[in-house]
Amino acid sequence: MGYAGGMTATLAIDLPTCLTLQGKSRTELEQRSKFLLALKYFELGEITSGQAAQMAGMGRVAFLNEASRNGVAVIDMDEEEMELEFAHV
């Protein structure tokens, strides 16, 4: 799975043993770790929602829904931009 505008790289991360002892499979732990890492990069504005979704191995809409459920704003507009966006609604 590639990312628009660039190549991918693999990163190995050492995790605390307590995370591996929570009864989750390695696959579940990997998926959650990918999602949380992608979520943080998205929250910091370092990658787009599409890139974050690819990184997390999910669709963009599903990623945005999960981001919202995790308290991360999925729309970054100031008050003036919001007024312009919704002026004709």
Protein backbone atom coordinates (compact mmCIF):
# COMPACT_ATOMS: atom_id res chain seq x y z
CA MET A 1 0.00 0.00 0.00
CA GLY A 2 1.64 3.25 -1.10
CA TYR A 3 1.18 6.83 -0.07
CA ALA A 4 0.60 9.67 -2.49
CA GLY A 5 3.77 11.58 -3.10
CA GLY A 6 6.18 9.25 -1.39
CA MET A 7 7.52 5.88 -0.48
CA THR A 8 6.80 4.01 2.71
CA ALA A 9 9.20 2.88 5.40
CA THR A 10 8.90 0.21 8.07
CA LEU A 11 9.55 1.13 11.67
CA ALA A 12 10.04 -1.34 14.53
CA ILE A 13 8.90 -0.09 17.94
CA ASP A 14 9.59 -1.67 21.31
CA LEU A 15 6.39 -1.75 23.37
CA PRO A 16 6.05 -2.16 27.11
CA THR A 17 5.27 -5.74 28.13
CA CYS A 18 2.07 -4.56 29.86
CA LEU A 19 0.56 -3.88 26.42
CA THR A 20 1.27 -7.41 25.26
CA LEU A 21 -0.22 -8.91 28.44
CA GLN A 22 -3.68 -7.40 28.02
CA GLY A 23 -5.04 -10.48 26.28
CA LYS A 24 -4.98 -8.95 22.81
CA SER A 25 -3.47 -10.75 19.87
CA ARG A 26 -0.35 -9.44 18.17
CA THR A 27 -2.51 -8.47 15.17
CA GLU A 28 -4.89 -6.46 17.38
CA LEU A 29 -1.96 -4.72 19.07
CA GLU A 30 -0.34 -3.90 15.72
CA GLN A 31 -3.61 -2.52 14.31
CA ARG A 32 -4.26 -0.35 17.38
CA SER A 33 -0.68 0.92 17.39
CA LYS A 34 -0.85 1.83 13.70
CA PHE A 35 -4.15 3.64 14.23
CA LEU A 36 -2.93 5.60 17.26
CA LEU A 37 0.29 6.61 15.53
CA ALA A 38 -1.59 7.69 12.41
CA LEU A 39 -4.11 9.55 14.57
CA LYS A 40 -1.39 11.53 16.32
CA TYR A 41 0.39 12.46 13.09
CA PHE A 42 -2.99 13.57 11.68
CA GLU A 43 -3.81 15.55 14.83
CA LEU A 44 -0.45 17.34 14.59
CA GLY A 45 -1.16 18.19 10.93
CA GLU A 46 1.85 16.24 9.68
CA ILE A 47 -0.19 13.96 7.40
CA THR A 48 -3.58 14.20 5.69
CA SER A 49 -6.61 12.19 6.72
CA GLY A 50 -6.17 10.06 3.60
CA GLN A 51 -2.55 9.32 4.47
CA ALA A 52 -3.51 8.57 8.07
CA ALA A 53 -6.26 6.22 6.91
CA GLN A 54 -3.82 4.36 4.67
CA MET A 55 -1.29 4.17 7.49
CA ALA A 56 -3.97 2.75 9.80
CA GLY A 57 -5.14 0.29 7.15
CA MET A 58 -8.69 1.62 6.94
CA GLY A 59 -10.88 3.76 4.71
CA ARG A 60 -10.80 7.54 5.04
CA VAL A 61 -14.39 7.87 6.31
CA ALA A 62 -13.84 5.12 8.88
CA PHE A 63 -10.63 6.82 10.01
CA LEU A 64 -12.36 10.20 10.38
CA ASN A 65 -15.19 8.58 12.37
CA GLU A 66 -12.69 6.90 14.70
CA ALA A 67 -10.66 10.10 15.01
CA SER A 68 -13.79 11.95 16.12
CA ARG A 69 -14.65 9.18 18.60
CA ASN A 70 -11.14 9.59 20.03
CA GLY A 71 -11.60 13.34 20.54
CA VAL A 72 -9.56 14.53 17.55
CA ALA A 73 -11.10 17.35 15.52
CA VAL A 74 -11.61 16.28 11.93
CA ILE A 75 -12.38 19.78 10.65
CA ASP A 76 -9.92 22.59 11.28
CA MET A 77 -11.76 25.85 10.61
CA ASP A 78 -11.69 29.12 12.47
CA GLU A 79 -14.91 31.00 13.27
CA GLU A 80 -14.83 33.07 10.08
CA GLU A 81 -14.33 29.99 7.89
CA MET A 82 -17.24 28.26 9.65
CA GLU A 83 -19.53 31.26 9.06
CA LEU A 84 -18.61 31.31 5.37
CA GLU A 85 -19.10 27.57 5.04
CA PHE A 86 -22.55 27.57 6.63
CA ALA A 87 -23.82 30.98 5.45
CA HIS A 88 -26.07 29.46 2.81
CA VAL A 89 -27.39 26.49 4.75
